[in-house]
Amino acid sequence: MSINLALGPVVSLFAGILILIVPRLLNYIVAIYLILIGLIGIFGWGAFQTRTTGMLDAHPPVSTQPAYAPAVPATSSA
């Protein structure tokens, strides 16, 4: 079972709930929200993936060679 959780919508939901509960803190909540969304955008913390132990056991690591071979440049000897 794989659970994907996007961080941006969670931060938005939390900020919205705080604004409803404590409207006097609107300026601080908006400022913190914008800073967090900016950091998420810059550093790419958009989604977290969690795996259960059953999921880890079901897919062992792949240890085979790739199906392609990288191109080797031709060298000329003079």
PDB file of N, CA and C in Angstrom:
ATOM      1  N   MET A   1       0.841  -1.171   0.000  1.00  0.00           N
ATOM      2  CA  MET A   1       0.000   0.000   0.000  1.00  0.00           C
ATOM      3  C   MET A   1       0.887   1.235   0.000  1.00  0.00           C
ATOM      4  N   SER A   2       0.653   2.133  -0.921  1.00  0.00           N
ATOM      5  CA  SER A   2       1.449   3.345  -1.038  1.00  0.00           C
ATOM      6  C   SER A   2       0.565   4.554  -0.759  1.00  0.00           C
ATOM      7  N   ILE A   3       1.033   5.435   0.112  1.00  0.00           N
ATOM      8  CA  ILE A   3       0.281   6.642   0.457  1.00  0.00           C
ATOM      9  C   ILE A   3       1.095   7.838   0.013  1.00  0.00           C
ATOM     10  N   ASN A   4       0.523   8.673  -0.856  1.00  0.00           N
ATOM     11  CA  ASN A   4       1.180   9.896  -1.295  1.00  0.00           C
ATOM     12  C   ASN A   4       0.523  11.074  -0.594  1.00  0.00           C
ATOM     13  N   LEU A   5       1.316  11.920   0.023  1.00  0.00           N
ATOM     14  CA  LEU A   5       0.804  13.059   0.759  1.00  0.00           C
ATOM     15  C   LEU A   5       1.514  14.306   0.250  1.00  0.00           C
ATOM     16  N   ALA A   6       0.760  15.204  -0.397  1.00  0.00           N
ATOM     17  CA  ALA A   6       1.348  16.443  -0.885  1.00  0.00           C
ATOM     18  C   ALA A   6       1.401  17.438   0.262  1.00  0.00           C
ATOM     19  N   LEU A   7       2.513  18.109   0.409  1.00  0.00           N
ATOM     20  CA  LEU A   7       2.720  19.004   1.544  1.00  0.00           C
ATOM     21  C   LEU A   7       2.013  20.337   1.367  1.00  0.00           C
ATOM     22  N   GLY A   8       1.931  20.857   0.153  1.00  0.00           N
ATOM     23  CA  GLY A   8       1.292  22.155  -0.094  1.00  0.00           C
ATOM     24  C   GLY A   8      -0.154  22.221   0.353  1.00  0.00           C
ATOM     25  N   PRO A   9      -1.007  21.280  -0.056  1.00  0.00           N
ATOM     26  CA  PRO A   9      -2.399  21.315   0.395  1.00  0.00           C
ATOM     27  C   PRO A   9      -2.562  21.133   1.906  1.00  0.00           C
ATOM     28  N   VAL A  10      -1.680  20.362   2.532  1.00  0.00           N
ATOM     29  CA  VAL A  10      -1.761  20.187   3.983  1.00  0.00           C
ATOM     30  C   VAL A  10      -1.460  21.510   4.686  1.00  0.00           C
ATOM     31  N   VAL A  11      -0.451  22.229   4.217  1.00  0.00           N
ATOM     32  CA  VAL A  11      -0.116  23.532   4.796  1.00  0.00           C
ATOM     33  C   VAL A  11      -1.271  24.512   4.582  1.00  0.00           C
ATOM     34  N   SER A  12      -1.889  24.495   3.408  1.00  0.00           N
ATOM     35  CA  SER A  12      -3.018  25.379   3.121  1.00  0.00           C
ATOM     36  C   SER A  12      -4.194  25.085   4.041  1.00  0.00           C
ATOM     37  N   LEU A  13      -4.496  23.826   4.227  1.00  0.00           N
ATOM     38  CA  LEU A  13      -5.601  23.441   5.102  1.00  0.00           C
ATOM     39  C   LEU A  13      -5.342  23.881   6.532  1.00  0.00           C
ATOM     40  N   PHE A  14      -4.137  23.652   7.017  1.00  0.00           N
ATOM     41  CA  PHE A  14      -3.770  24.059   8.376  1.00  0.00           C
ATOM     42  C   PHE A  14      -3.870  25.575   8.545  1.00  0.00           C
ATOM     43  N   ALA A  15      -3.381  26.332   7.554  1.00  0.00           N
ATOM     44  CA  ALA A  15      -3.447  27.799   7.625  1.00  0.00           C
ATOM     45  C   ALA A  15      -4.894  28.269   7.616  1.00  0.00           C
ATOM     46  N   GLY A  16      -5.733  27.670   6.781  1.00  0.00           N
ATOM     47  CA  GLY A  16      -7.143  28.056   6.733  1.00  0.00           C
ATOM     48  C   GLY A  16      -7.862  27.803   8.041  1.00  0.00           C
ATOM     49  N   ILE A  17      -7.585  26.664   8.662  1.00  0.00           N
ATOM     50  CA  ILE A  17      -8.212  26.359   9.950  1.00  0.00           C
ATOM     51  C   ILE A  17      -7.754  27.339  11.020  1.00  0.00           C
ATOM     52  N   LEU A  18      -6.469  27.669  11.033  1.00  0.00           N
ATOM     53  CA  LEU A  18      -5.970  28.645  12.014  1.00  0.00           C
ATOM     54  C   LEU A  18      -6.604  30.017  11.818  1.00  0.00           C
ATOM     55  N   ILE A  19      -6.814  30.422  10.565  1.00  0.00           N
ATOM     56  CA  ILE A  19      -7.434  31.721  10.302  1.00  0.00           C
ATOM     57  C   ILE A  19      -8.875  31.722  10.803  1.00  0.00           C
ATOM     58  N   LEU A  20      -9.587  30.617  10.629  1.00  0.00           N
ATOM     59  CA  LEU A  20     -10.963  30.538  11.127  1.00  0.00           C
ATOM     60  C   LEU A  20     -11.014  30.581  12.647  1.00  0.00           C
ATOM     61  N   ILE A  21     -10.069  29.917  13.298  1.00  0.00           N
ATOM     62  CA  ILE A  21     -10.081  29.856  14.759  1.00  0.00           C
ATOM     63  C   ILE A  21      -9.600  31.165  15.376  1.00  0.00           C
ATOM     64  N   VAL A  22      -8.508  31.714  14.863  1.00  0.00           N
ATOM     65  CA  VAL A  22      -7.899  32.916  15.450  1.00  0.00           C
ATOM     66  C   VAL A  22      -7.710  33.963  14.349  1.00  0.00           C
ATOM     67  N   PRO A  23      -8.789  34.720  13.999  1.00  0.00           N
ATOM     68  CA  PRO A  23      -8.654  35.686  12.899  1.00  0.00           C
ATOM     69  C   PRO A  23      -7.680  36.829  13.188  1.00  0.00           C
ATOM     70  N   ARG A  24      -7.360  37.101  14.452  1.00  0.00           N
ATOM     71  CA  ARG A  24      -6.415  38.184  14.769  1.00  0.00           C
ATOM     72  C   ARG A  24      -4.995  37.860  14.313  1.00  0.00           C
ATOM     73  N   LEU A  25      -4.711  36.594  14.078  1.00  0.00           N
ATOM     74  CA  LEU A  25      -3.372  36.196  13.660  1.00  0.00           C
ATOM     75  C   LEU A  25      -3.243  36.095  12.141  1.00  0.00           C
ATOM     76  N   LEU A  26      -4.179  36.700  11.412  1.00  0.00           N
ATOM     77  CA  LEU A  26      -4.213  36.562   9.955  1.00  0.00           C
ATOM     78  C   LEU A  26      -2.889  36.958   9.307  1.00  0.00           C
ATOM     79  N   ASN A  27      -2.319  38.090   9.687  1.00  0.00           N
ATOM     80  CA  ASN A  27      -1.074  38.553   9.071  1.00  0.00           C
ATOM     81  C   ASN A  27       0.062  37.543   9.268  1.00  0.00           C
ATOM     82  N   TYR A  28       0.196  37.012  10.479  1.00  0.00           N
ATOM     83  CA  TYR A  28       1.269  36.061  10.769  1.00  0.00           C
ATOM     84  C   TYR A  28       1.048  34.732  10.037  1.00  0.00           C
ATOM     85  N   ILE A  29      -0.211  34.286  10.020  1.00  0.00           N
ATOM     86  CA  ILE A  29      -0.509  33.018   9.358  1.00  0.00           C
ATOM     87  C   ILE A  29      -0.232  33.116   7.864  1.00  0.00           C
ATOM     88  N   VAL A  30      -0.642  34.215   7.237  1.00  0.00           N
ATOM     89  CA  VAL A  30      -0.398  34.392   5.802  1.00  0.00           C
ATOM     90  C   VAL A  30       1.099  34.487   5.521  1.00  0.00           C
ATOM     91  N   ALA A  31       1.836  35.199   6.360  1.00  0.00           N
ATOM     92  CA  ALA A  31       3.278  35.324   6.156  1.00  0.00           C
ATOM     93  C   ALA A  31       3.972  33.961   6.281  1.00  0.00           C
ATOM     94  N   ILE A  32       3.635  33.212   7.308  1.00  0.00           N
ATOM     95  CA  ILE A  32       4.243  31.891   7.496  1.00  0.00           C
ATOM     96  C   ILE A  32       3.860  30.960   6.357  1.00  0.00           C
ATOM     97  N   TYR A  33       2.582  31.028   5.925  1.00  0.00           N
ATOM     98  CA  TYR A  33       2.122  30.194   4.808  1.00  0.00           C
ATOM     99  C   TYR A  33       2.932  30.492   3.547  1.00  0.00           C
ATOM    100  N   LEU A  34       3.100  31.771   3.230  1.00  0.00           N
ATOM    101  CA  LEU A  34       3.848  32.120   2.019  1.00  0.00           C
ATOM    102  C   LEU A  34       5.302  31.680   2.098  1.00  0.00           C
ATOM    103  N   ILE A  35       5.901  31.797   3.269  1.00  0.00           N
ATOM    104  CA  ILE A  35       7.280  31.347   3.436  1.00  0.00           C
ATOM    105  C   ILE A  35       7.372  29.834   3.253  1.00  0.00           C
ATOM    106  N   LEU A  36       6.448  29.092   3.858  1.00  0.00           N
ATOM    107  CA  LEU A  36       6.483  27.628   3.731  1.00  0.00           C
ATOM    108  C   LEU A  36       6.244  27.173   2.299  1.00  0.00           C
ATOM    109  N   ILE A  37       5.280  27.781   1.615  1.00  0.00           N
ATOM    110  CA  ILE A  37       5.008  27.407   0.225  1.00  0.00           C
ATOM    111  C   ILE A  37       6.214  27.756  -0.653  1.00  0.00           C
ATOM    112  N   GLY A  38       6.879  28.871  -0.380  1.00  0.00           N
ATOM    113  CA  GLY A  38       8.091  29.219  -1.119  1.00  0.00           C
ATOM    114  C   GLY A  38       9.205  28.208  -0.904  1.00  0.00           C
ATOM    115  N   LEU A  39       9.399  27.785   0.341  1.00  0.00           N
ATOM    116  CA  LEU A  39      10.427  26.784   0.639  1.00  0.00           C
ATOM    117  C   LEU A  39      10.089  25.438  -0.006  1.00  0.00           C
ATOM    118  N   ILE A  40       8.806  25.080   0.016  1.00  0.00           N
ATOM    119  CA  ILE A  40       8.387  23.832  -0.629  1.00  0.00           C
ATOM    120  C   ILE A  40       8.685  23.898  -2.122  1.00  0.00           C
ATOM    121  N   GLY A  41       8.410  25.033  -2.740  1.00  0.00           N
ATOM    122  CA  GLY A  41       8.673  25.184  -4.166  1.00  0.00           C
ATOM    123  C   GLY A  41      10.147  25.175  -4.506  1.00  0.00           C
ATOM    124  N   ILE A  42      10.963  25.806  -3.672  1.00  0.00           N
ATOM    125  CA  ILE A  42      12.398  25.885  -3.950  1.00  0.00           C
ATOM    126  C   ILE A  42      13.076  24.533  -3.745  1.00  0.00           C
ATOM    127  N   PHE A  43      12.785  23.883  -2.628  1.00  0.00           N
ATOM    128  CA  PHE A  43      13.501  22.656  -2.297  1.00  0.00           C
ATOM    129  C   PHE A  43      12.783  21.395  -2.753  1.00  0.00           C
ATOM    130  N   GLY A  44      11.595  21.507  -3.327  1.00  0.00           N
ATOM    131  CA  GLY A  44      10.906  20.359  -3.898  1.00  0.00           C
ATOM    132  C   GLY A  44      10.367  19.374  -2.897  1.00  0.00           C
ATOM    133  N   TRP A  45       9.826  19.869  -1.778  1.00  0.00           N
ATOM    134  CA  TRP A  45       9.224  18.983  -0.797  1.00  0.00           C
ATOM    135  C   TRP A  45       7.748  18.813  -1.097  1.00  0.00           C
ATOM    136  N   GLY A  46       7.401  18.557  -2.367  1.00  0.00           N
ATOM    137  CA  GLY A  46       5.998  18.523  -2.770  1.00  0.00           C
ATOM    138  C   GLY A  46       5.217  17.334  -2.276  1.00  0.00           C
ATOM    139  N   ALA A  47       5.820  16.175  -2.192  1.00  0.00           N
ATOM    140  CA  ALA A  47       5.074  14.986  -1.784  1.00  0.00           C
ATOM    141  C   ALA A  47       5.985  14.029  -1.037  1.00  0.00           C
ATOM    142  N   PHE A  48       5.415  13.395  -0.073  1.00  0.00           N
ATOM    143  CA  PHE A  48       6.112  12.357   0.671  1.00  0.00           C
ATOM    144  C   PHE A  48       5.499  11.021   0.296  1.00  0.00           C
ATOM    145  N   GLN A  49       6.298   9.997   0.236  1.00  0.00           N
ATOM    146  CA  GLN A  49       5.785   8.661  -0.025  1.00  0.00           C
ATOM    147  C   GLN A  49       6.122   7.779   1.152  1.00  0.00           C
ATOM    148  N   THR A  50       5.113   7.089   1.643  1.00  0.00           N
ATOM    149  CA  THR A  50       5.339   6.141   2.718  1.00  0.00           C
ATOM    150  C   THR A  50       5.006   4.752   2.215  1.00  0.00           C
ATOM    151  N   ARG A  51       5.771   3.775   2.649  1.00  0.00           N
ATOM    152  CA  ARG A  51       5.545   2.394   2.246  1.00  0.00           C
ATOM    153  C   ARG A  51       5.373   1.538   3.489  1.00  0.00           C
ATOM    154  N   THR A  52       4.524   0.569   3.373  1.00  0.00           N
ATOM    155  CA  THR A  52       4.370  -0.381   4.466  1.00  0.00           C
ATOM    156  C   THR A  52       5.437  -1.454   4.329  1.00  0.00           C
ATOM    157  N   THR A  53       5.637  -2.240   5.375  1.00  0.00           N
ATOM    158  CA  THR A  53       6.655  -3.288   5.319  1.00  0.00           C
ATOM    159  C   THR A  53       6.279  -4.353   4.308  1.00  0.00           C
ATOM    160  N   GLY A  54       5.003  -4.607   4.131  1.00  0.00           N
ATOM    161  CA  GLY A  54       4.576  -5.574   3.130  1.00  0.00           C
ATOM    162  C   GLY A  54       4.960  -5.131   1.736  1.00  0.00           C
ATOM    163  N   MET A  55       4.891  -3.850   1.488  1.00  0.00           N
ATOM    164  CA  MET A  55       5.253  -3.310   0.184  1.00  0.00           C
ATOM    165  C   MET A  55       6.759  -3.457  -0.052  1.00  0.00           C
ATOM    166  N   LEU A  56       7.544  -3.291   0.985  1.00  0.00           N
ATOM    167  CA  LEU A  56       8.987  -3.431   0.829  1.00  0.00           C
ATOM    168  C   LEU A  56       9.368  -4.879   0.552  1.00  0.00           C
ATOM    169  N   ASP A  57       8.680  -5.825   1.178  1.00  0.00           N
ATOM    170  CA  ASP A  57       8.984  -7.229   0.960  1.00  0.00           C
ATOM    171  C   ASP A  57       8.532  -7.703  -0.418  1.00  0.00           C
ATOM    172  N   ALA A  58       7.486  -7.098  -0.958  1.00  0.00           N
ATOM    173  CA  ALA A  58       6.921  -7.557  -2.224  1.00  0.00           C
ATOM    174  C   ALA A  58       7.808  -7.192  -3.407  1.00  0.00           C
ATOM    175  N   HIS A  59       8.650  -6.181  -3.290  1.00  0.00           N
ATOM    176  CA  HIS A  59       9.467  -5.711  -4.401  1.00  0.00           C
ATOM    177  C   HIS A  59      10.933  -5.673  -3.990  1.00  0.00           C
ATOM    178  N   PRO A  60      11.655  -6.786  -4.155  1.00  0.00           N
ATOM    179  CA  PRO A  60      13.072  -6.768  -3.795  1.00  0.00           C
ATOM    180  C   PRO A  60      13.856  -5.877  -4.759  1.00  0.00           C
ATOM    181  N   PRO A  61      15.006  -5.412  -4.363  1.00  0.00           N
ATOM    182  CA  PRO A  61      15.796  -4.547  -5.238  1.00  0.00           C
ATOM    183  C   PRO A  61      16.236  -5.276  -6.505  1.00  0.00           C
ATOM    184  N   VAL A  62      16.295  -4.547  -7.576  1.00  0.00           N
ATOM    185  CA  VAL A  62      16.700  -5.109  -8.865  1.00  0.00           C
ATOM    186  C   VAL A  62      18.218  -5.021  -8.966  1.00  0.00           C
ATOM    187  N   SER A  63      18.853  -6.155  -9.291  1.00  0.00           N
ATOM    188  CA  SER A  63      20.316  -6.165  -9.373  1.00  0.00           C
ATOM    189  C   SER A  63      20.805  -6.603 -10.746  1.00  0.00           C
ATOM    190  N   THR A  64      19.986  -6.447 -11.776  1.00  0.00           N
ATOM    191  CA  THR A  64      20.391  -6.840 -13.121  1.00  0.00           C
ATOM    192  C   THR A  64      20.998  -5.654 -13.845  1.00  0.00           C
ATOM    193  N   GLN A  65      21.715  -5.940 -14.912  1.00  0.00           N
ATOM    194  CA  GLN A  65      22.315  -4.899 -15.728  1.00  0.00           C
ATOM    195  C   GLN A  65      21.232  -4.219 -16.562  1.00  0.00           C
ATOM    196  N   PRO A  66      21.422  -2.961 -16.940  1.00  0.00           N
ATOM    197  CA  PRO A  66      20.437  -2.301 -17.784  1.00  0.00           C
ATOM    198  C   PRO A  66      20.369  -2.955 -19.165  1.00  0.00           C
ATOM    199  N   ALA A  67      19.232  -2.797 -19.824  1.00  0.00           N
ATOM    200  CA  ALA A  67      19.010  -3.438 -21.117  1.00  0.00           C
ATOM    201  C   ALA A  67      19.721  -2.706 -22.253  1.00  0.00           C
ATOM    202  N   TYR A  68      20.346  -1.611 -21.972  1.00  0.00           N
ATOM    203  CA  TYR A  68      21.035  -0.848 -23.007  1.00  0.00           C
ATOM    204  C   TYR A  68      22.509  -0.727 -22.640  1.00  0.00           C
ATOM    205  N   ALA A  69      23.325  -0.438 -23.633  1.00  0.00           N
ATOM    206  CA  ALA A  69      24.734  -0.210 -23.402  1.00  0.00           C
ATOM    207  C   ALA A  69      25.040   1.226 -23.845  1.00  0.00           C
ATOM    208  N   PRO A  70      25.731   1.983 -23.025  1.00  0.00           N
ATOM    209  CA  PRO A  70      26.052   3.352 -23.431  1.00  0.00           C
ATOM    210  C   PRO A  70      26.963   3.368 -24.653  1.00  0.00           C
ATOM    211  N   ALA A  71      26.779   4.362 -25.466  1.00  0.00           N
ATOM    212  CA  ALA A  71      27.590   4.479 -26.677  1.00  0.00           C
ATOM    213  C   ALA A  71      29.034   4.816 -26.308  1.00  0.00           C
ATOM    214  N   VAL A  72      29.966   4.127 -26.948  1.00  0.00           N
ATOM    215  CA  VAL A  72      31.384   4.369 -26.699  1.00  0.00           C
ATOM    216  C   VAL A  72      31.890   5.190 -27.889  1.00  0.00           C
ATOM    217  N   PRO A  73      32.457   6.363 -27.622  1.00  0.00           N
ATOM    218  CA  PRO A  73      32.957   7.177 -28.740  1.00  0.00           C
ATOM    219  C   PRO A  73      34.119   6.492 -29.449  1.00  0.00           C
ATOM    220  N   ALA A  74      34.129   6.617 -30.746  1.00  0.00           N
ATOM    221  CA  ALA A  74      35.199   6.035 -31.555  1.00  0.00           C
ATOM    222  C   ALA A  74      36.452   6.878 -31.403  1.00  0.00           C
ATOM    223  N   THR A  75      37.571   6.217 -31.167  1.00  0.00           N
ATOM    224  CA  THR A  75      38.839   6.936 -31.038  1.00  0.00           C
ATOM    225  C   THR A  75      39.713   6.574 -32.236  1.00  0.00           C
ATOM    226  N   SER A  76      40.420   7.559 -32.700  1.00  0.00           N
ATOM    227  CA  SER A  76      41.331   7.299 -33.823  1.00  0.00           C
ATOM    228  C   SER A  76      42.761   7.349 -33.313  1.00  0.00           C
ATOM    229  N   SER A  77      43.553   6.401 -33.734  1.00  0.00           N
ATOM    230  CA  SER A  77      44.948   6.393 -33.321  1.00  0.00           C
ATOM    231  C   SER A  77      45.806   6.839 -34.501  1.00  0.00           C
ATOM    232  N   ALA A  78      46.654   7.803 -34.265  1.00  0.00           N
ATOM    233  CA  ALA A  78      47.481   8.337 -35.341  1.00  0.00           C
ATOM    234  C   ALA A  78      48.921   7.965 -35.161  1.00  0.00           C
TER     235      ALA A  78
END
